[in-house]
Protein backbone atom coordinates (compact mmCIF):
# COMPACT_ATOMS: atom_id res chain seq x y z
CA MET A 1 -22.21 -0.90 -10.46
CA PHE A 2 -18.95 0.30 -12.02
CA SER A 3 -16.61 -1.76 -9.85
CA SER A 4 -15.09 -3.82 -12.68
CA TYR A 5 -14.29 -0.75 -14.79
CA ALA A 6 -11.81 2.03 -14.17
CA THR A 7 -14.39 4.72 -14.94
CA PRO A 8 -18.14 4.99 -15.46
CA ALA A 9 -17.47 5.98 -19.09
CA LYS A 10 -15.69 2.67 -19.71
CA HIS A 11 -18.63 0.86 -18.17
CA TRP A 12 -21.13 2.53 -20.52
CA ARG A 13 -18.91 2.02 -23.57
CA ALA A 14 -18.65 -1.69 -22.75
CA ARG A 15 -22.44 -1.86 -22.48
CA ALA A 16 -22.76 -0.11 -25.87
CA LYS A 17 -20.37 -2.60 -27.43
CA GLU A 18 -22.35 -5.48 -25.95
CA ALA A 19 -25.64 -4.06 -27.26
CA LEU A 20 -24.17 -3.73 -30.78
CA ALA A 21 -22.94 -7.33 -30.66
CA ILE A 22 -26.43 -8.49 -29.71
CA ALA A 23 -27.97 -6.35 -32.47
CA ASP A 24 -25.72 -8.01 -35.05
CA GLN A 25 -27.15 -11.41 -34.08
CA MET A 26 -30.81 -10.40 -34.39
CA SER A 27 -32.94 -11.32 -37.38
CA ASP A 28 -35.90 -9.08 -36.49
CA PRO A 29 -35.25 -5.57 -37.88
CA ASP A 30 -37.35 -3.90 -35.18
CA ALA A 31 -35.49 -5.66 -32.37
CA GLU A 32 -32.18 -4.83 -34.03
CA GLU A 33 -33.14 -1.16 -34.16
CA VAL A 34 -34.03 -1.20 -30.46
CA MET A 35 -30.57 -2.56 -29.63
CA TRP A 36 -28.90 0.06 -31.84
CA ARG A 37 -30.83 2.80 -30.06
CA LEU A 38 -29.85 1.35 -26.70
CA ALA A 39 -26.19 1.33 -27.76
CA LEU A 40 -26.47 5.00 -28.77
CA ARG A 41 -27.93 5.86 -25.37
CA TYR A 42 -25.13 4.02 -23.62
CA GLU A 43 -22.59 5.94 -25.70
CA ARG A 44 -24.28 9.23 -24.75
CA MET A 45 -24.04 8.21 -21.11
CA ALA A 46 -20.33 7.49 -21.60
CA LYS A 47 -19.81 10.92 -23.11
CA GLN A 48 -21.70 12.50 -20.22
CA ALA A 49 -19.53 10.59 -17.76
CA ASP A 50 -16.42 11.82 -19.60
CA SER A 51 -17.45 15.48 -19.40
CA PRO A 52 -15.48 17.63 -16.95
CA LEU A 53 -18.64 18.35 -14.95
CA ASN A 54 -19.19 14.66 -14.21
CA ARG A 55 -15.70 13.31 -13.64
CA ASP A 56 -15.28 11.60 -10.29
CA THR A 57 -18.94 12.07 -9.46
CA ARG A 58 -20.19 8.53 -9.91
CA SER A 59 -23.00 9.04 -7.44
CA ARG A 60 -24.31 12.01 -9.39
CA LEU A 61 -24.89 10.24 -12.71
CA LEU A 62 -28.60 10.19 -13.35
CA PRO A 63 -30.68 8.01 -15.66
CA ILE A 64 -31.76 9.64 -18.92
CA GLY A 65 -34.92 11.64 -18.34
CA SER A 66 -34.46 11.82 -14.60
CA ASN A 67 -35.37 15.10 -12.96
CA VAL A 68 -34.24 14.12 -9.46
CA LEU A 69 -31.07 15.82 -8.29
CA PRO A 70 -28.65 13.99 -6.00
CA ARG A 71 -28.19 15.22 -2.45
């Protein structure tokens, strides 16, 4: 999943940038807002991946809202 990026954080930041670019092209305000919110979530995931507790633990990154712990 992160193979083309040096770190998971870079992966999520690239996804956030992509979501913002798509949002800028949308004419529907509701759809644009959805993309902005998605970009914010991706940025939060990047910050989580950057935190000292998650560095070098790619397999332990969980989706937002997940309550399942890795083994």
